[in-house]
């Protein structure tokens, strides 16, 4: 089976970078903030026991869905930025509305309506929680008012920008390592869909010569999001994993989020990398 390292080791000397933020591991409070920040990221993994995919007997994505899961984690980070902004959001405590699998506020009364990423993209976070494995577009929109797709006055639309790249031949060219580090330090960075050959991972930070990542290669039971009190624990991982830059597959996709006039700032940041 798959195993998770219970106590990841971090150098007390090298800063920890996580999606545009920097933490000092030698400082106990700062390290605790890093752990809360990391643990609040969306972790989407293989699932088993979901309804069979149309036209197939498949009830799990184990063995073939890792790239989709990595892409969903990146898109999920974009939705978090669009709807909530960038901040430390530790997993909700048991007993709170969020921990019970429902946001505070009205809930979609129709159990048959898909609770997928598309609803969040339409700006309806009160409608339910996105289900893992649900397909969604690559650009988050704005909260709707009246006509579907119409943003509120003054509400800027968000954009998820995906940049596929090839950073070498068969192996990562070391000349690109500093570029990858600089991109992960941008406040607009959503992470990297990458990994090792035939083994997708979601990179969201680094320390020294190692990337920090979330691994989708863990099979977890499907969560029925139609239930009133479905659990959220399986959507968060509190144990960062590390991989040397040299083991990173050169084929990857960078993600960035921007809204309104921030697009010009993003162009400026990218032109300096």
C-alpha atoms as a PDB file:
ATOM      1  CA  UNK A   1       0.000   0.000   0.000  1.00  0.00           C
ATOM      2  CA  UNK A   2       0.907   3.664  -0.059  1.00  0.00           C
ATOM      3  CA  UNK A   3       2.599   5.185   2.956  1.00  0.00           C
ATOM      4  CA  UNK A   4       2.924   8.759   4.177  1.00  0.00           C
ATOM      5  CA  UNK A   5       5.933  10.067   6.067  1.00  0.00           C
ATOM      6  CA  UNK A   6       4.490  11.087   9.467  1.00  0.00           C
ATOM      7  CA  UNK A   7       7.189  13.641  10.342  1.00  0.00           C
ATOM      8  CA  UNK A   8       8.723  15.374   7.336  1.00  0.00           C
ATOM      9  CA  UNK A   9      12.159  16.840   7.963  1.00  0.00           C
ATOM     10  CA  UNK A  10      12.784  20.498   7.188  1.00  0.00           C
ATOM     11  CA  UNK A  11      16.111  22.242   7.394  1.00  0.00           C
ATOM     12  CA  UNK A  12      15.982  24.953  10.088  1.00  0.00           C
ATOM     13  CA  UNK A  13      18.261  27.131   7.946  1.00  0.00           C
ATOM     14  CA  UNK A  14      16.515  27.245   4.555  1.00  0.00           C
ATOM     15  CA  UNK A  15      13.262  29.216   4.115  1.00  0.00           C
ATOM     16  CA  UNK A  16      10.091  27.341   3.200  1.00  0.00           C
ATOM     17  CA  UNK A  17       8.213  28.711   0.196  1.00  0.00           C
ATOM     18  CA  UNK A  18       4.552  27.844  -0.302  1.00  0.00           C
ATOM     19  CA  UNK A  19       2.508  29.371  -3.132  1.00  0.00           C
ATOM     20  CA  UNK A  20       3.887  32.883  -2.866  1.00  0.00           C
ATOM     21  CA  UNK A  21       4.530  32.881   0.869  1.00  0.00           C
ATOM     22  CA  UNK A  22       7.759  32.364   2.769  1.00  0.00           C
ATOM     23  CA  UNK A  23       8.203  30.826   6.215  1.00  0.00           C
ATOM     24  CA  UNK A  24      11.197  30.498   8.532  1.00  0.00           C
ATOM     25  CA  UNK A  25      11.371  26.908   9.836  1.00  0.00           C
ATOM     26  CA  UNK A  26      13.799  27.891  12.612  1.00  0.00           C
ATOM     27  CA  UNK A  27      11.001  29.960  14.128  1.00  0.00           C
ATOM     28  CA  UNK A  28       8.514  27.714  15.907  1.00  0.00           C
ATOM     29  CA  UNK A  29       5.540  30.016  15.345  1.00  0.00           C
ATOM     30  CA  UNK A  30       6.404  30.512  11.691  1.00  0.00           C
ATOM     31  CA  UNK A  31       6.778  26.759  11.179  1.00  0.00           C
ATOM     32  CA  UNK A  32       3.367  26.251  12.780  1.00  0.00           C
ATOM     33  CA  UNK A  33       1.888  28.810  10.366  1.00  0.00           C
ATOM     34  CA  UNK A  34       3.453  26.932   7.461  1.00  0.00           C
ATOM     35  CA  UNK A  35       1.927  23.664   8.622  1.00  0.00           C
ATOM     36  CA  UNK A  36      -1.510  25.279   8.940  1.00  0.00           C
ATOM     37  CA  UNK A  37      -1.151  26.826   5.503  1.00  0.00           C
ATOM     38  CA  UNK A  38      -0.062  23.555   3.901  1.00  0.00           C
ATOM     39  CA  UNK A  39      -2.762  21.555   5.653  1.00  0.00           C
ATOM     40  CA  UNK A  40      -5.439  23.935   4.361  1.00  0.00           C
ATOM     41  CA  UNK A  41      -4.589  23.236   0.701  1.00  0.00           C
ATOM     42  CA  UNK A  42      -7.002  20.964  -1.161  1.00  0.00           C
ATOM     43  CA  UNK A  43      -5.722  17.390  -1.483  1.00  0.00           C
ATOM     44  CA  UNK A  44      -7.464  15.312  -4.138  1.00  0.00           C
ATOM     45  CA  UNK A  45      -6.529  11.660  -4.504  1.00  0.00           C
ATOM     46  CA  UNK A  46      -7.609   8.427  -6.144  1.00  0.00           C
ATOM     47  CA  UNK A  47     -11.110   7.410  -5.099  1.00  0.00           C
ATOM     48  CA  UNK A  48     -12.869   4.072  -5.126  1.00  0.00           C
ATOM     49  CA  UNK A  49     -16.490   3.058  -4.925  1.00  0.00           C
ATOM     50  CA  UNK A  50     -18.004   5.873  -6.955  1.00  0.00           C
ATOM     51  CA  UNK A  51     -20.818   5.165  -9.469  1.00  0.00           C
ATOM     52  CA  UNK A  52     -19.537   3.449 -12.600  1.00  0.00           C
ATOM     53  CA  UNK A  53     -18.330   5.830 -15.274  1.00  0.00           C
ATOM     54  CA  UNK A  54     -20.717   5.964 -18.258  1.00  0.00           C
ATOM     55  CA  UNK A  55     -20.039   3.155 -20.698  1.00  0.00           C
ATOM     56  CA  UNK A  56     -17.515   1.415 -18.449  1.00  0.00           C
ATOM     57  CA  UNK A  57     -17.525  -0.776 -15.345  1.00  0.00           C
ATOM     58  CA  UNK A  58     -14.924   1.472 -13.663  1.00  0.00           C
ATOM     59  CA  UNK A  59     -15.719   2.566 -10.120  1.00  0.00           C
ATOM     60  CA  UNK A  60     -12.234   3.877  -9.320  1.00  0.00           C
ATOM     61  CA  UNK A  61      -9.631   6.060 -11.002  1.00  0.00           C
ATOM     62  CA  UNK A  62      -6.739   4.213  -9.378  1.00  0.00           C
ATOM     63  CA  UNK A  63      -3.870   3.762 -11.814  1.00  0.00           C
ATOM     64  CA  UNK A  64      -4.964   6.313 -14.408  1.00  0.00           C
ATOM     65  CA  UNK A  65      -6.415   9.422 -12.757  1.00  0.00           C
ATOM     66  CA  UNK A  66      -3.382  10.968 -11.053  1.00  0.00           C
ATOM     67  CA  UNK A  67      -2.872  13.746 -13.622  1.00  0.00           C
ATOM     68  CA  UNK A  68      -6.548  14.684 -13.388  1.00  0.00           C
ATOM     69  CA  UNK A  69      -6.269  14.853  -9.602  1.00  0.00           C
ATOM     70  CA  UNK A  70      -3.165  17.057  -9.796  1.00  0.00           C
ATOM     71  CA  UNK A  71      -4.978  19.375 -12.202  1.00  0.00           C
ATOM     72  CA  UNK A  72      -7.977  19.508  -9.880  1.00  0.00           C
ATOM     73  CA  UNK A  73      -5.743  20.519  -6.975  1.00  0.00           C
ATOM     74  CA  UNK A  74      -4.345  23.392  -9.024  1.00  0.00           C
ATOM     75  CA  UNK A  75      -7.810  24.504 -10.126  1.00  0.00           C
ATOM     76  CA  UNK A  76      -9.021  24.184  -6.542  1.00  0.00           C
ATOM     77  CA  UNK A  77      -6.302  26.562  -5.410  1.00  0.00           C
ATOM     78  CA  UNK A  78      -7.515  29.022  -8.038  1.00  0.00           C
ATOM     79  CA  UNK A  79     -11.059  28.776  -6.702  1.00  0.00           C
ATOM     80  CA  UNK A  80      -9.830  29.368  -3.156  1.00  0.00           C
ATOM     81  CA  UNK A  81      -8.018  32.514  -4.248  1.00  0.00           C
ATOM     82  CA  UNK A  82     -11.010  33.742  -6.215  1.00  0.00           C
ATOM     83  CA  UNK A  83     -13.598  33.149  -3.506  1.00  0.00           C
ATOM     84  CA  UNK A  84     -11.643  33.493  -0.260  1.00  0.00           C
ATOM     85  CA  UNK A  85      -8.321  35.175  -1.009  1.00  0.00           C
ATOM     86  CA  UNK A  86      -4.909  33.945   0.072  1.00  0.00           C
ATOM     87  CA  UNK A  87      -4.710  33.160   3.746  1.00  0.00           C
ATOM     88  CA  UNK A  88      -4.151  30.471   6.316  1.00  0.00           C
ATOM     89  CA  UNK A  89      -7.271  28.357   6.515  1.00  0.00           C
ATOM     90  CA  UNK A  90      -6.739  25.371   8.785  1.00  0.00           C
ATOM     91  CA  UNK A  91      -9.253  22.538   8.420  1.00  0.00           C
ATOM     92  CA  UNK A  92     -12.485  23.335  10.275  1.00  0.00           C
ATOM     93  CA  UNK A  93     -12.964  21.934  13.738  1.00  0.00           C
ATOM     94  CA  UNK A  94     -15.520  19.177  14.304  1.00  0.00           C
ATOM     95  CA  UNK A  95     -18.964  20.523  15.019  1.00  0.00           C
ATOM     96  CA  UNK A  96     -18.707  23.607  12.817  1.00  0.00           C
ATOM     97  CA  UNK A  97     -20.855  23.952   9.681  1.00  0.00           C
ATOM     98  CA  UNK A  98     -17.823  23.615   7.418  1.00  0.00           C
ATOM     99  CA  UNK A  99     -16.655  20.493   9.233  1.00  0.00           C
ATOM    100  CA  UNK A 100     -20.082  19.005   8.721  1.00  0.00           C
ATOM    101  CA  UNK A 101     -19.651  19.335   4.983  1.00  0.00           C
ATOM    102  CA  UNK A 102     -21.895  22.365   4.524  1.00  0.00           C
ATOM    103  CA  UNK A 103     -21.045  26.052   4.351  1.00  0.00           C
ATOM    104  CA  UNK A 104     -22.942  28.501   6.555  1.00  0.00           C
ATOM    105  CA  UNK A 105     -25.940  29.660   4.571  1.00  0.00           C
ATOM    106  CA  UNK A 106     -28.602  28.181   2.289  1.00  0.00           C
ATOM    107  CA  UNK A 107     -27.995  24.865   0.639  1.00  0.00           C
ATOM    108  CA  UNK A 108     -29.099  23.685  -2.783  1.00  0.00           C
ATOM    109  CA  UNK A 109     -32.357  21.818  -2.145  1.00  0.00           C
ATOM    110  CA  UNK A 110     -31.980  19.599  -5.199  1.00  0.00           C
ATOM    111  CA  UNK A 111     -30.012  16.428  -4.361  1.00  0.00           C
ATOM    112  CA  UNK A 112     -29.738  15.527  -8.042  1.00  0.00           C
ATOM    113  CA  UNK A 113     -27.890  18.665  -9.125  1.00  0.00           C
ATOM    114  CA  UNK A 114     -24.167  17.884  -9.510  1.00  0.00           C
ATOM    115  CA  UNK A 115     -22.062  19.425  -6.760  1.00  0.00           C
ATOM    116  CA  UNK A 116     -19.070  20.018  -8.941  1.00  0.00           C
ATOM    117  CA  UNK A 117     -16.407  22.591  -9.557  1.00  0.00           C
ATOM    118  CA  UNK A 118     -18.594  24.297 -12.158  1.00  0.00           C
ATOM    119  CA  UNK A 119     -20.887  25.599  -9.434  1.00  0.00           C
ATOM    120  CA  UNK A 120     -18.036  27.283  -7.628  1.00  0.00           C
ATOM    121  CA  UNK A 121     -16.846  28.688 -10.935  1.00  0.00           C
ATOM    122  CA  UNK A 122     -20.250  30.307 -11.366  1.00  0.00           C
ATOM    123  CA  UNK A 123     -19.660  32.023  -8.038  1.00  0.00           C
ATOM    124  CA  UNK A 124     -22.105  29.983  -5.963  1.00  0.00           C
ATOM    125  CA  UNK A 125     -20.061  28.730  -2.992  1.00  0.00           C
ATOM    126  CA  UNK A 126     -23.258  28.445  -0.905  1.00  0.00           C
ATOM    127  CA  UNK A 127     -24.590  25.804  -3.275  1.00  0.00           C
ATOM    128  CA  UNK A 128     -22.509  22.916  -1.994  1.00  0.00           C
ATOM    129  CA  UNK A 129     -19.053  21.425  -1.849  1.00  0.00           C
ATOM    130  CA  UNK A 130     -17.183  20.363  -4.961  1.00  0.00           C
ATOM    131  CA  UNK A 131     -16.932  16.626  -5.373  1.00  0.00           C
ATOM    132  CA  UNK A 132     -13.558  15.095  -6.193  1.00  0.00           C
ATOM    133  CA  UNK A 133     -13.386  13.858  -9.738  1.00  0.00           C
ATOM    134  CA  UNK A 134     -15.956  16.299 -11.054  1.00  0.00           C
ATOM    135  CA  UNK A 135     -14.811  17.991 -14.266  1.00  0.00           C
ATOM    136  CA  UNK A 136     -14.720  21.758 -14.378  1.00  0.00           C
ATOM    137  CA  UNK A 137     -13.542  24.556 -16.668  1.00  0.00           C
ATOM    138  CA  UNK A 138     -10.118  26.092 -16.226  1.00  0.00           C
ATOM    139  CA  UNK A 139     -11.166  29.644 -15.485  1.00  0.00           C
ATOM    140  CA  UNK A 140     -13.125  30.624 -12.365  1.00  0.00           C
ATOM    141  CA  UNK A 141     -15.880  33.126 -12.967  1.00  0.00           C
ATOM    142  CA  UNK A 142     -17.701  35.525 -10.708  1.00  0.00           C
ATOM    143  CA  UNK A 143     -20.719  35.330  -8.427  1.00  0.00           C
ATOM    144  CA  UNK A 144     -23.879  35.388 -10.496  1.00  0.00           C
ATOM    145  CA  UNK A 145     -26.808  37.696  -9.927  1.00  0.00           C
ATOM    146  CA  UNK A 146     -29.947  37.115 -11.976  1.00  0.00           C
ATOM    147  CA  UNK A 147     -28.732  36.006 -15.371  1.00  0.00           C
ATOM    148  CA  UNK A 148     -26.293  33.050 -15.145  1.00  0.00           C
ATOM    149  CA  UNK A 149     -22.775  34.173 -15.942  1.00  0.00           C
ATOM    150  CA  UNK A 150     -23.460  37.850 -15.206  1.00  0.00           C
ATOM    151  CA  UNK A 151     -21.115  39.227 -12.507  1.00  0.00           C
ATOM    152  CA  UNK A 152     -22.241  41.708  -9.906  1.00  0.00           C
ATOM    153  CA  UNK A 153     -21.448  45.328 -10.779  1.00  0.00           C
ATOM    154  CA  UNK A 154     -17.808  46.036  -9.997  1.00  0.00           C
ATOM    155  CA  UNK A 155     -17.015  42.361  -9.440  1.00  0.00           C
ATOM    156  CA  UNK A 156     -13.884  41.511 -11.471  1.00  0.00           C
ATOM    157  CA  UNK A 157     -13.705  38.198 -13.231  1.00  0.00           C
ATOM    158  CA  UNK A 158     -10.938  35.791 -12.368  1.00  0.00           C
ATOM    159  CA  UNK A 159      -8.615  34.046 -14.771  1.00  0.00           C
ATOM    160  CA  UNK A 160      -6.672  30.814 -14.359  1.00  0.00           C
ATOM    161  CA  UNK A 161      -3.718  30.897 -16.732  1.00  0.00           C
ATOM    162  CA  UNK A 162      -2.118  27.538 -17.594  1.00  0.00           C
ATOM    163  CA  UNK A 163       1.375  27.556 -19.102  1.00  0.00           C
ATOM    164  CA  UNK A 164       2.649  24.147 -20.315  1.00  0.00           C
ATOM    165  CA  UNK A 165       6.426  23.891 -20.439  1.00  0.00           C
ATOM    166  CA  UNK A 166       9.231  21.505 -21.309  1.00  0.00           C
ATOM    167  CA  UNK A 167      12.220  22.170 -19.066  1.00  0.00           C
ATOM    168  CA  UNK A 168      14.783  19.904 -20.679  1.00  0.00           C
ATOM    169  CA  UNK A 169      15.169  16.730 -22.701  1.00  0.00           C
ATOM    170  CA  UNK A 170      14.809  13.438 -20.858  1.00  0.00           C
ATOM    171  CA  UNK A 171      15.690  15.104 -17.550  1.00  0.00           C
ATOM    172  CA  UNK A 172      15.166  18.515 -16.004  1.00  0.00           C
ATOM    173  CA  UNK A 173      17.816  20.967 -17.193  1.00  0.00           C
ATOM    174  CA  UNK A 174      19.399  22.446 -14.026  1.00  0.00           C
ATOM    175  CA  UNK A 175      19.398  25.883 -15.645  1.00  0.00           C
ATOM    176  CA  UNK A 176      15.619  26.039 -15.098  1.00  0.00           C
ATOM    177  CA  UNK A 177      15.664  25.312 -11.361  1.00  0.00           C
ATOM    178  CA  UNK A 178      15.985  28.954 -10.329  1.00  0.00           C
ATOM    179  CA  UNK A 179      13.182  29.887 -12.733  1.00  0.00           C
ATOM    180  CA  UNK A 180      10.878  27.313 -11.138  1.00  0.00           C
ATOM    181  CA  UNK A 181      11.741  28.677  -7.696  1.00  0.00           C
ATOM    182  CA  UNK A 182      10.995  32.241  -8.756  1.00  0.00           C
ATOM    183  CA  UNK A 183       7.645  31.253 -10.239  1.00  0.00           C
ATOM    184  CA  UNK A 184       6.599  29.435  -7.050  1.00  0.00           C
ATOM    185  CA  UNK A 185       7.361  32.620  -5.109  1.00  0.00           C
ATOM    186  CA  UNK A 186       4.888  34.709  -7.120  1.00  0.00           C
ATOM    187  CA  UNK A 187       1.729  35.594  -5.193  1.00  0.00           C
ATOM    188  CA  UNK A 188      -0.292  34.676  -8.293  1.00  0.00           C
ATOM    189  CA  UNK A 189       1.170  31.154  -8.591  1.00  0.00           C
ATOM    190  CA  UNK A 190      -1.294  28.282  -8.193  1.00  0.00           C
ATOM    191  CA  UNK A 191       1.325  25.530  -8.288  1.00  0.00           C
ATOM    192  CA  UNK A 192       2.666  23.121 -10.868  1.00  0.00           C
ATOM    193  CA  UNK A 193       1.105  20.041 -12.434  1.00  0.00           C
ATOM    194  CA  UNK A 194       4.163  17.850 -12.771  1.00  0.00           C
ATOM    195  CA  UNK A 195       5.775  14.891 -11.114  1.00  0.00           C
ATOM    196  CA  UNK A 196       8.069  12.070 -12.084  1.00  0.00           C
ATOM    197  CA  UNK A 197       7.806  10.036 -15.321  1.00  0.00           C
ATOM    198  CA  UNK A 198       4.339   8.369 -15.393  1.00  0.00           C
ATOM    199  CA  UNK A 199       3.733   9.588 -11.828  1.00  0.00           C
ATOM    200  CA  UNK A 200       1.876  12.892 -11.534  1.00  0.00           C
ATOM    201  CA  UNK A 201       2.337  15.149  -8.508  1.00  0.00           C
ATOM    202  CA  UNK A 202       1.136  18.617  -7.541  1.00  0.00           C
ATOM    203  CA  UNK A 203       4.055  20.909  -6.657  1.00  0.00           C
ATOM    204  CA  UNK A 204       3.165  23.885  -4.476  1.00  0.00           C
ATOM    205  CA  UNK A 205       6.417  25.021  -2.864  1.00  0.00           C
ATOM    206  CA  UNK A 206      10.057  24.285  -2.192  1.00  0.00           C
ATOM    207  CA  UNK A 207      12.859  24.379   0.336  1.00  0.00           C
ATOM    208  CA  UNK A 208      16.470  24.477  -0.775  1.00  0.00           C
ATOM    209  CA  UNK A 209      16.952  21.936  -3.560  1.00  0.00           C
ATOM    210  CA  UNK A 210      13.689  20.067  -2.960  1.00  0.00           C
ATOM    211  CA  UNK A 211      10.141  20.634  -4.158  1.00  0.00           C
ATOM    212  CA  UNK A 212       7.174  20.299  -1.808  1.00  0.00           C
ATOM    213  CA  UNK A 213       4.219  18.391  -3.193  1.00  0.00           C
ATOM    214  CA  UNK A 214       0.863  16.764  -2.630  1.00  0.00           C
ATOM    215  CA  UNK A 215       0.592  13.193  -3.897  1.00  0.00           C
ATOM    216  CA  UNK A 216      -2.684  11.961  -5.419  1.00  0.00           C
ATOM    217  CA  UNK A 217      -1.550   8.313  -5.325  1.00  0.00           C
ATOM    218  CA  UNK A 218      -3.573   7.262  -2.308  1.00  0.00           C
ATOM    219  CA  UNK A 219      -6.820   5.350  -2.800  1.00  0.00           C
ATOM    220  CA  UNK A 220      -9.563   6.656  -0.528  1.00  0.00           C
ATOM    221  CA  UNK A 221     -13.250   5.726  -0.423  1.00  0.00           C
ATOM    222  CA  UNK A 222     -15.563   7.926  -2.439  1.00  0.00           C
ATOM    223  CA  UNK A 223     -17.282  10.584  -0.323  1.00  0.00           C
ATOM    224  CA  UNK A 224     -21.010  11.013  -0.849  1.00  0.00           C
ATOM    225  CA  UNK A 225     -21.356  14.796  -0.961  1.00  0.00           C
ATOM    226  CA  UNK A 226     -25.147  14.506  -1.083  1.00  0.00           C
ATOM    227  CA  UNK A 227     -25.056  13.573   2.598  1.00  0.00           C
ATOM    228  CA  UNK A 228     -25.763  16.380   5.019  1.00  0.00           C
ATOM    229  CA  UNK A 229     -22.707  15.712   7.193  1.00  0.00           C
ATOM    230  CA  UNK A 230     -20.118  14.301   4.818  1.00  0.00           C
ATOM    231  CA  UNK A 231     -16.538  14.330   6.214  1.00  0.00           C
ATOM    232  CA  UNK A 232     -13.826  16.659   4.907  1.00  0.00           C
ATOM    233  CA  UNK A 233     -10.778  15.038   6.507  1.00  0.00           C
ATOM    234  CA  UNK A 234      -9.804  13.132   3.364  1.00  0.00           C
ATOM    235  CA  UNK A 235      -9.518  16.370   1.372  1.00  0.00           C
ATOM    236  CA  UNK A 236      -6.578  17.700   3.390  1.00  0.00           C
ATOM    237  CA  UNK A 237      -3.070  16.358   3.994  1.00  0.00           C
ATOM    238  CA  UNK A 238      -0.931  17.682   6.837  1.00  0.00           C
ATOM    239  CA  UNK A 239       2.273  15.843   5.899  1.00  0.00           C
ATOM    240  CA  UNK A 240       4.305  17.622   3.191  1.00  0.00           C
ATOM    241  CA  UNK A 241       6.451  15.457   0.971  1.00  0.00           C
ATOM    242  CA  UNK A 242       9.723  16.473  -0.679  1.00  0.00           C
ATOM    243  CA  UNK A 243      11.423  15.526  -3.948  1.00  0.00           C
ATOM    244  CA  UNK A 244      14.765  16.801  -5.306  1.00  0.00           C
ATOM    245  CA  UNK A 245      14.477  19.155  -8.266  1.00  0.00           C
ATOM    246  CA  UNK A 246      16.654  16.752 -10.238  1.00  0.00           C
ATOM    247  CA  UNK A 247      13.918  14.090 -10.135  1.00  0.00           C
ATOM    248  CA  UNK A 248      11.245  16.395 -11.523  1.00  0.00           C
ATOM    249  CA  UNK A 249       9.933  15.408 -14.954  1.00  0.00           C
ATOM    250  CA  UNK A 250      10.756  18.184 -17.457  1.00  0.00           C
ATOM    251  CA  UNK A 251       7.176  18.181 -18.794  1.00  0.00           C
ATOM    252  CA  UNK A 252       4.944  20.250 -16.533  1.00  0.00           C
ATOM    253  CA  UNK A 253       2.246  22.923 -16.450  1.00  0.00           C
ATOM    254  CA  UNK A 254       2.414  26.112 -14.389  1.00  0.00           C
ATOM    255  CA  UNK A 255      -0.781  27.696 -13.104  1.00  0.00           C
ATOM    256  CA  UNK A 256      -1.427  31.339 -12.245  1.00  0.00           C
ATOM    257  CA  UNK A 257      -4.458  33.241 -11.016  1.00  0.00           C
ATOM    258  CA  UNK A 258      -5.265  36.866 -11.721  1.00  0.00           C
ATOM    259  CA  UNK A 259      -8.281  39.125 -11.637  1.00  0.00           C
ATOM    260  CA  UNK A 260      -9.022  42.600 -12.937  1.00  0.00           C
ATOM    261  CA  UNK A 261      -5.972  44.819 -13.328  1.00  0.00           C
ATOM    262  CA  UNK A 262      -3.727  42.182 -11.715  1.00  0.00           C
ATOM    263  CA  UNK A 263      -3.188  40.690 -15.171  1.00  0.00           C
ATOM    264  CA  UNK A 264      -0.742  43.461 -16.060  1.00  0.00           C
ATOM    265  CA  UNK A 265       1.149  42.795 -12.840  1.00  0.00           C
ATOM    266  CA  UNK A 266       1.354  39.102 -13.717  1.00  0.00           C
ATOM    267  CA  UNK A 267       2.746  39.888 -17.174  1.00  0.00           C
ATOM    268  CA  UNK A 268       5.363  42.081 -15.539  1.00  0.00           C
ATOM    269  CA  UNK A 269       6.300  39.400 -13.011  1.00  0.00           C
ATOM    270  CA  UNK A 270       6.604  36.709 -15.675  1.00  0.00           C
ATOM    271  CA  UNK A 271       8.727  38.906 -17.916  1.00  0.00           C
ATOM    272  CA  UNK A 272      11.293  39.249 -15.127  1.00  0.00           C
ATOM    273  CA  UNK A 273      11.672  35.506 -14.511  1.00  0.00           C
END
